[in-house]
């Protein structure tokens, strides 16, 4: 029973964390924002959604996907 409660808590925390990260993305045209696993940036240049892109990070370039 404790395992199910722990699993439920983990799922709830993950759902809340992912929804708050998506809420910080401003309204945009598809393909103009590059989403990395850690953050997002404006795509330079924009492209088709789903294409690979990258964002500058504090330790170098981080690969992402246009969305």
C-alpha atoms as a PDB file:
ATOM      1  CA  UNK A   1       0.000   0.000   0.000  1.00  0.00           C
ATOM      2  CA  UNK A   2       2.850   2.392   0.792  1.00  0.00           C
ATOM      3  CA  UNK A   3       4.358   1.776  -2.641  1.00  0.00           C
ATOM      4  CA  UNK A   4       1.141   2.899  -4.376  1.00  0.00           C
ATOM      5  CA  UNK A   5       0.998   6.064  -2.281  1.00  0.00           C
ATOM      6  CA  UNK A   6       4.620   6.826  -3.072  1.00  0.00           C
ATOM      7  CA  UNK A   7       4.044   6.154  -6.765  1.00  0.00           C
ATOM      8  CA  UNK A   8       0.962   8.398  -6.742  1.00  0.00           C
ATOM      9  CA  UNK A   9       2.916  11.182  -5.063  1.00  0.00           C
ATOM     10  CA  UNK A  10       5.717  10.920  -7.624  1.00  0.00           C
ATOM     11  CA  UNK A  11       3.235  11.038 -10.510  1.00  0.00           C
ATOM     12  CA  UNK A  12       1.485  14.094  -9.032  1.00  0.00           C
ATOM     13  CA  UNK A  13       4.755  15.976  -8.519  1.00  0.00           C
ATOM     14  CA  UNK A  14       5.894  15.179 -12.061  1.00  0.00           C
ATOM     15  CA  UNK A  15       2.567  16.347 -13.510  1.00  0.00           C
ATOM     16  CA  UNK A  16       2.664  19.604 -11.568  1.00  0.00           C
ATOM     17  CA  UNK A  17       6.289  20.268 -12.495  1.00  0.00           C
ATOM     18  CA  UNK A  18       5.693  19.703 -16.197  1.00  0.00           C
ATOM     19  CA  UNK A  19       2.561  21.882 -16.311  1.00  0.00           C
ATOM     20  CA  UNK A  20       4.321  24.789 -14.585  1.00  0.00           C
ATOM     21  CA  UNK A  21       7.201  24.608 -17.069  1.00  0.00           C
ATOM     22  CA  UNK A  22       4.789  24.726 -20.025  1.00  0.00           C
ATOM     23  CA  UNK A  23       2.912  27.647 -18.481  1.00  0.00           C
ATOM     24  CA  UNK A  24       6.023  29.831 -18.750  1.00  0.00           C
ATOM     25  CA  UNK A  25       6.150  29.592 -22.560  1.00  0.00           C
ATOM     26  CA  UNK A  26       4.689  32.707 -24.210  1.00  0.00           C
ATOM     27  CA  UNK A  27       2.197  32.528 -27.069  1.00  0.00           C
ATOM     28  CA  UNK A  28       4.140  31.807 -30.270  1.00  0.00           C
ATOM     29  CA  UNK A  29       3.890  30.634 -33.856  1.00  0.00           C
ATOM     30  CA  UNK A  30       4.739  26.931 -34.311  1.00  0.00           C
ATOM     31  CA  UNK A  31       8.444  26.426 -34.994  1.00  0.00           C
ATOM     32  CA  UNK A  32       9.622  29.673 -33.380  1.00  0.00           C
ATOM     33  CA  UNK A  33      10.611  28.266 -29.964  1.00  0.00           C
ATOM     34  CA  UNK A  34      13.345  25.709 -29.315  1.00  0.00           C
ATOM     35  CA  UNK A  35      12.526  23.380 -26.401  1.00  0.00           C
ATOM     36  CA  UNK A  36      15.456  21.710 -24.637  1.00  0.00           C
ATOM     37  CA  UNK A  37      15.108  19.249 -21.723  1.00  0.00           C
ATOM     38  CA  UNK A  38      15.916  22.104 -19.309  1.00  0.00           C
ATOM     39  CA  UNK A  39      14.671  25.400 -20.783  1.00  0.00           C
ATOM     40  CA  UNK A  40      13.452  27.060 -23.994  1.00  0.00           C
ATOM     41  CA  UNK A  41      14.704  29.862 -26.217  1.00  0.00           C
ATOM     42  CA  UNK A  42      13.554  31.711 -29.332  1.00  0.00           C
ATOM     43  CA  UNK A  43      14.620  29.728 -32.381  1.00  0.00           C
ATOM     44  CA  UNK A  44      17.254  31.363 -34.580  1.00  0.00           C
ATOM     45  CA  UNK A  45      16.231  30.712 -37.335  1.00  0.00           C
ATOM     46  CA  UNK A  46      12.670  29.396 -36.965  1.00  0.00           C
ATOM     47  CA  UNK A  47      11.776  26.195 -38.821  1.00  0.00           C
ATOM     48  CA  UNK A  48       9.272  23.380 -39.077  1.00  0.00           C
ATOM     49  CA  UNK A  49       7.975  22.043 -35.738  1.00  0.00           C
ATOM     50  CA  UNK A  50       9.763  18.855 -34.703  1.00  0.00           C
ATOM     51  CA  UNK A  51      13.083  19.817 -36.344  1.00  0.00           C
ATOM     52  CA  UNK A  52      16.277  19.880 -34.292  1.00  0.00           C
ATOM     53  CA  UNK A  53      17.519  23.193 -32.914  1.00  0.00           C
ATOM     54  CA  UNK A  54      19.755  24.430 -30.120  1.00  0.00           C
ATOM     55  CA  UNK A  55      19.920  27.015 -27.369  1.00  0.00           C
ATOM     56  CA  UNK A  56      22.968  28.613 -25.797  1.00  0.00           C
ATOM     57  CA  UNK A  57      23.361  27.567 -22.166  1.00  0.00           C
ATOM     58  CA  UNK A  58      25.805  28.515 -19.429  1.00  0.00           C
ATOM     59  CA  UNK A  59      28.042  25.534 -20.313  1.00  0.00           C
ATOM     60  CA  UNK A  60      27.623  25.470 -24.072  1.00  0.00           C
ATOM     61  CA  UNK A  61      25.075  24.579 -26.716  1.00  0.00           C
ATOM     62  CA  UNK A  62      22.022  22.502 -25.648  1.00  0.00           C
ATOM     63  CA  UNK A  63      20.150  20.539 -28.329  1.00  0.00           C
ATOM     64  CA  UNK A  64      16.373  20.818 -28.515  1.00  0.00           C
ATOM     65  CA  UNK A  65      13.365  20.468 -30.791  1.00  0.00           C
ATOM     66  CA  UNK A  66      11.359  23.218 -32.461  1.00  0.00           C
ATOM     67  CA  UNK A  67       7.831  23.621 -31.208  1.00  0.00           C
END
